Amino acid sequence: MSRLDEKARDALPEGDFAFPKERKEPLENASHVRNAIARFDQVKDVSDAERDAAWKRILAAAKKHGVTVHEKSWRELGKPKA
């Protein structure tokens, strides 16, 4: 994954994060989108509504950066595939 130094991360607009209020999980490239999906459940102190909104931002970023997402909802993350 490409690393963001503190200055570059601070320069990102809120809309470039899955969780903009918390500035968690940047979404500016495919590597960060995949990482945001992998770490989604590690974000603490957010409501289900905030998770729903974050998931929509992740799906939009995934489409933009050519990342395939198999889950339709964040609630499917970590569950065995049927």
N, C-alpha and C. Protein backbone atom coordinates (compact mmCIF):
# COMPACT_ATOMS: atom_id res chain seq x y z
N MET A 1 0.85 -1.17 0.00
CA MET A 1 0.00 0.00 0.00
C MET A 1 0.89 1.23 0.00
N SER A 2 0.51 2.22 -0.75
CA SER A 2 1.27 3.46 -0.75
C SER A 2 0.99 4.21 0.54
N ARG A 3 2.04 4.66 1.18
CA ARG A 3 1.92 5.36 2.46
C ARG A 3 1.71 6.84 2.22
N LEU A 4 0.90 7.41 3.08
CA LEU A 4 0.71 8.85 3.09
C LEU A 4 1.47 9.41 4.27
N ASP A 5 2.32 10.39 4.02
CA ASP A 5 2.94 11.03 5.17
C ASP A 5 1.91 11.97 5.79
N GLU A 6 2.21 12.46 6.96
CA GLU A 6 1.24 13.28 7.70
C GLU A 6 0.82 14.52 6.92
N LYS A 7 1.77 15.15 6.25
CA LYS A 7 1.46 16.36 5.49
C LYS A 7 0.49 16.06 4.33
N ALA A 8 0.75 14.96 3.61
CA ALA A 8 -0.11 14.59 2.48
C ALA A 8 -1.50 14.19 2.98
N ARG A 9 -1.55 13.47 4.09
CA ARG A 9 -2.84 13.05 4.65
C ARG A 9 -3.64 14.27 5.10
N ASP A 10 -2.98 15.20 5.76
CA ASP A 10 -3.65 16.41 6.22
C ASP A 10 -4.17 17.26 5.07
N ALA A 11 -3.52 17.16 3.91
CA ALA A 11 -3.91 17.95 2.75
C ALA A 11 -5.13 17.37 2.01
N LEU A 12 -5.47 16.11 2.29
CA LEU A 12 -6.62 15.49 1.62
C LEU A 12 -7.92 16.14 2.08
N PRO A 13 -8.83 16.40 1.15
CA PRO A 13 -10.14 16.92 1.57
C PRO A 13 -10.94 15.84 2.30
N GLU A 14 -11.88 16.24 3.12
CA GLU A 14 -12.68 15.29 3.89
C GLU A 14 -13.34 14.24 3.01
N GLY A 15 -13.74 14.63 1.80
CA GLY A 15 -14.41 13.71 0.90
C GLY A 15 -13.55 12.56 0.42
N ASP A 16 -12.25 12.62 0.68
CA ASP A 16 -11.34 11.55 0.27
C ASP A 16 -11.14 10.49 1.36
N PHE A 17 -11.99 10.52 2.38
CA PHE A 17 -11.93 9.55 3.46
C PHE A 17 -13.24 8.79 3.54
N ALA A 18 -13.17 7.51 3.89
CA ALA A 18 -14.39 6.73 4.10
C ALA A 18 -15.17 7.31 5.28
N PHE A 19 -14.44 7.69 6.32
CA PHE A 19 -15.04 8.29 7.52
C PHE A 19 -14.49 9.71 7.64
N PRO A 20 -15.13 10.66 6.96
CA PRO A 20 -14.56 12.02 6.88
C PRO A 20 -14.48 12.75 8.22
N LYS A 21 -15.46 12.60 9.08
CA LYS A 21 -15.44 13.31 10.36
C LYS A 21 -14.23 12.88 11.19
N GLU A 22 -13.92 11.59 11.13
CA GLU A 22 -12.80 11.05 11.88
C GLU A 22 -11.49 11.10 11.09
N ARG A 23 -11.61 11.43 9.78
CA ARG A 23 -10.47 11.42 8.85
C ARG A 23 -9.78 10.06 8.89
N LYS A 24 -10.62 9.00 8.80
CA LYS A 24 -10.11 7.63 8.81
C LYS A 24 -10.34 6.99 7.45
N GLU A 25 -9.41 6.19 7.06
CA GLU A 25 -9.46 5.39 5.83
C GLU A 25 -9.51 6.24 4.56
N PRO A 26 -8.36 6.78 4.15
CA PRO A 26 -8.30 7.54 2.91
C PRO A 26 -8.64 6.65 1.71
N LEU A 27 -9.18 7.28 0.67
CA LEU A 27 -9.66 6.54 -0.50
C LEU A 27 -9.10 7.07 -1.82
N GLU A 28 -7.90 7.63 -1.80
CA GLU A 28 -7.42 8.32 -3.01
C GLU A 28 -6.80 7.41 -4.05
N ASN A 29 -6.63 6.11 -3.77
CA ASN A 29 -6.13 5.20 -4.80
C ASN A 29 -6.63 3.77 -4.50
N ALA A 30 -6.39 2.86 -5.43
CA ALA A 30 -6.91 1.49 -5.30
C ALA A 30 -6.37 0.79 -4.07
N SER A 31 -5.12 0.99 -3.76
CA SER A 31 -4.52 0.35 -2.60
C SER A 31 -5.20 0.80 -1.30
N HIS A 32 -5.47 2.09 -1.20
CA HIS A 32 -6.14 2.60 0.00
C HIS A 32 -7.60 2.14 0.07
N VAL A 33 -8.24 1.98 -1.06
CA VAL A 33 -9.62 1.48 -1.06
C VAL A 33 -9.65 0.05 -0.51
N ARG A 34 -8.74 -0.79 -1.01
CA ARG A 34 -8.67 -2.17 -0.51
C ARG A 34 -8.36 -2.19 0.99
N ASN A 35 -7.49 -1.31 1.43
CA ASN A 35 -7.15 -1.23 2.85
C ASN A 35 -8.35 -0.76 3.68
N ALA A 36 -9.12 0.19 3.15
CA ALA A 36 -10.30 0.68 3.87
C ALA A 36 -11.31 -0.44 4.07
N ILE A 37 -11.45 -1.31 3.08
CA ILE A 37 -12.36 -2.45 3.21
C ILE A 37 -11.82 -3.41 4.26
N ALA A 38 -10.54 -3.71 4.19
CA ALA A 38 -9.94 -4.66 5.13
C ALA A 38 -10.01 -4.17 6.57
N ARG A 39 -9.91 -2.87 6.78
CA ARG A 39 -9.88 -2.31 8.13
C ARG A 39 -11.22 -1.72 8.57
N PHE A 40 -12.23 -1.90 7.78
CA PHE A 40 -13.53 -1.26 8.04
C PHE A 40 -14.03 -1.50 9.45
N ASP A 41 -13.95 -2.73 9.91
CA ASP A 41 -14.49 -3.05 11.23
C ASP A 41 -13.59 -2.59 12.38
N GLN A 42 -12.41 -2.07 12.08
CA GLN A 42 -11.51 -1.58 13.11
C GLN A 42 -11.78 -0.12 13.50
N VAL A 43 -12.61 0.57 12.73
CA VAL A 43 -12.94 1.95 13.04
C VAL A 43 -13.93 1.95 14.20
N LYS A 44 -13.57 2.63 15.26
CA LYS A 44 -14.36 2.63 16.50
C LYS A 44 -15.16 3.91 16.64
N ASP A 45 -16.18 3.83 17.47
CA ASP A 45 -16.99 5.00 17.86
C ASP A 45 -17.68 5.68 16.69
N VAL A 46 -18.20 4.87 15.76
CA VAL A 46 -19.02 5.40 14.67
C VAL A 46 -20.35 4.64 14.66
N SER A 47 -21.39 5.33 14.25
CA SER A 47 -22.73 4.73 14.22
C SER A 47 -22.91 3.87 12.98
N ASP A 48 -23.96 3.08 12.97
CA ASP A 48 -24.29 2.30 11.77
C ASP A 48 -24.60 3.22 10.60
N ALA A 49 -25.22 4.36 10.87
CA ALA A 49 -25.50 5.32 9.78
C ALA A 49 -24.20 5.85 9.19
N GLU A 50 -23.21 6.13 10.04
CA GLU A 50 -21.90 6.57 9.54
C GLU A 50 -21.22 5.46 8.76
N ARG A 51 -21.39 4.22 9.20
CA ARG A 51 -20.82 3.08 8.46
C ARG A 51 -21.52 2.92 7.10
N ASP A 52 -22.84 3.10 7.07
CA ASP A 52 -23.56 3.04 5.80
C ASP A 52 -23.03 4.08 4.82
N ALA A 53 -22.84 5.31 5.30
CA ALA A 53 -22.33 6.39 4.45
C ALA A 53 -20.89 6.10 4.02
N ALA A 54 -20.09 5.59 4.92
CA ALA A 54 -18.70 5.25 4.59
C ALA A 54 -18.65 4.16 3.53
N TRP A 55 -19.53 3.17 3.66
CA TRP A 55 -19.56 2.08 2.68
C TRP A 55 -19.90 2.61 1.29
N LYS A 56 -20.84 3.55 1.22
CA LYS A 56 -21.18 4.15 -0.08
C LYS A 56 -19.97 4.86 -0.67
N ARG A 57 -19.22 5.58 0.17
CA ARG A 57 -18.01 6.26 -0.33
C ARG A 57 -16.97 5.25 -0.78
N ILE A 58 -16.84 4.16 -0.05
CA ILE A 58 -15.88 3.12 -0.45
C ILE A 58 -16.28 2.50 -1.78
N LEU A 59 -17.55 2.20 -1.96
CA LEU A 59 -18.00 1.61 -3.24
C LEU A 59 -17.77 2.56 -4.40
N ALA A 60 -18.02 3.84 -4.19
CA ALA A 60 -17.79 4.83 -5.25
C ALA A 60 -16.30 4.91 -5.58
N ALA A 61 -15.46 4.91 -4.55
CA ALA A 61 -14.01 4.97 -4.78
C ALA A 61 -13.52 3.68 -5.43
N ALA A 62 -14.08 2.55 -5.05
CA ALA A 62 -13.70 1.27 -5.66
C ALA A 62 -14.00 1.29 -7.16
N LYS A 63 -15.16 1.77 -7.50
CA LYS A 63 -15.53 1.86 -8.92
C LYS A 63 -14.57 2.79 -9.66
N LYS A 64 -14.29 3.92 -9.07
CA LYS A 64 -13.39 4.92 -9.68
C LYS A 64 -11.99 4.34 -9.91
N HIS A 65 -11.51 3.53 -8.97
CA HIS A 65 -10.13 3.03 -9.03
C HIS A 65 -10.03 1.59 -9.53
N GLY A 66 -11.15 1.02 -9.99
CA GLY A 66 -11.13 -0.31 -10.59
C GLY A 66 -10.95 -1.45 -9.59
N VAL A 67 -11.45 -1.26 -8.38
CA VAL A 67 -11.35 -2.30 -7.35
C VAL A 67 -12.66 -3.08 -7.31
N THR A 68 -12.58 -4.39 -7.41
CA THR A 68 -13.76 -5.24 -7.34
C THR A 68 -14.15 -5.47 -5.89
N VAL A 69 -15.41 -5.21 -5.57
CA VAL A 69 -15.93 -5.45 -4.23
C VAL A 69 -17.06 -6.46 -4.36
N HIS A 70 -16.94 -7.57 -3.66
CA HIS A 70 -17.94 -8.63 -3.76
C HIS A 70 -19.10 -8.43 -2.79
N GLU A 71 -18.85 -7.78 -1.67
CA GLU A 71 -19.88 -7.56 -0.67
C GLU A 71 -20.81 -6.43 -1.10
N LYS A 72 -22.09 -6.62 -0.87
CA LYS A 72 -23.08 -5.59 -1.19
C LYS A 72 -23.23 -4.60 -0.03
N SER A 73 -22.91 -5.04 1.17
CA SER A 73 -23.05 -4.23 2.38
C SER A 73 -21.85 -4.46 3.28
N TRP A 74 -21.53 -3.49 4.10
CA TRP A 74 -20.44 -3.66 5.06
C TRP A 74 -20.76 -4.74 6.08
N ARG A 75 -22.03 -5.04 6.24
CA ARG A 75 -22.43 -6.08 7.19
C ARG A 75 -22.01 -7.48 6.73
N GLU A 76 -21.66 -7.61 5.45
CA GLU A 76 -21.21 -8.89 4.90
C GLU A 76 -19.70 -9.11 5.10
N LEU A 77 -18.98 -8.09 5.51
CA LEU A 77 -17.53 -8.22 5.65
C LEU A 77 -17.19 -9.26 6.71
N GLY A 78 -16.25 -10.12 6.40
CA GLY A 78 -15.78 -11.13 7.33
C GLY A 78 -16.69 -12.34 7.47
N LYS A 79 -17.78 -12.38 6.73
CA LYS A 79 -18.67 -13.53 6.80
C LYS A 79 -18.29 -14.52 5.69
N PRO A 80 -18.44 -15.81 5.96
CA PRO A 80 -18.12 -16.80 4.93
C PRO A 80 -19.01 -16.64 3.71
N LYS A 81 -18.42 -16.87 2.56
CA LYS A 81 -19.16 -16.80 1.29
C LYS A 81 -20.02 -18.05 1.15
N ALA A 82 -21.24 -17.87 0.71
CA ALA A 82 -22.17 -19.01 0.54
C ALA A 82 -21.90 -19.74 -0.75
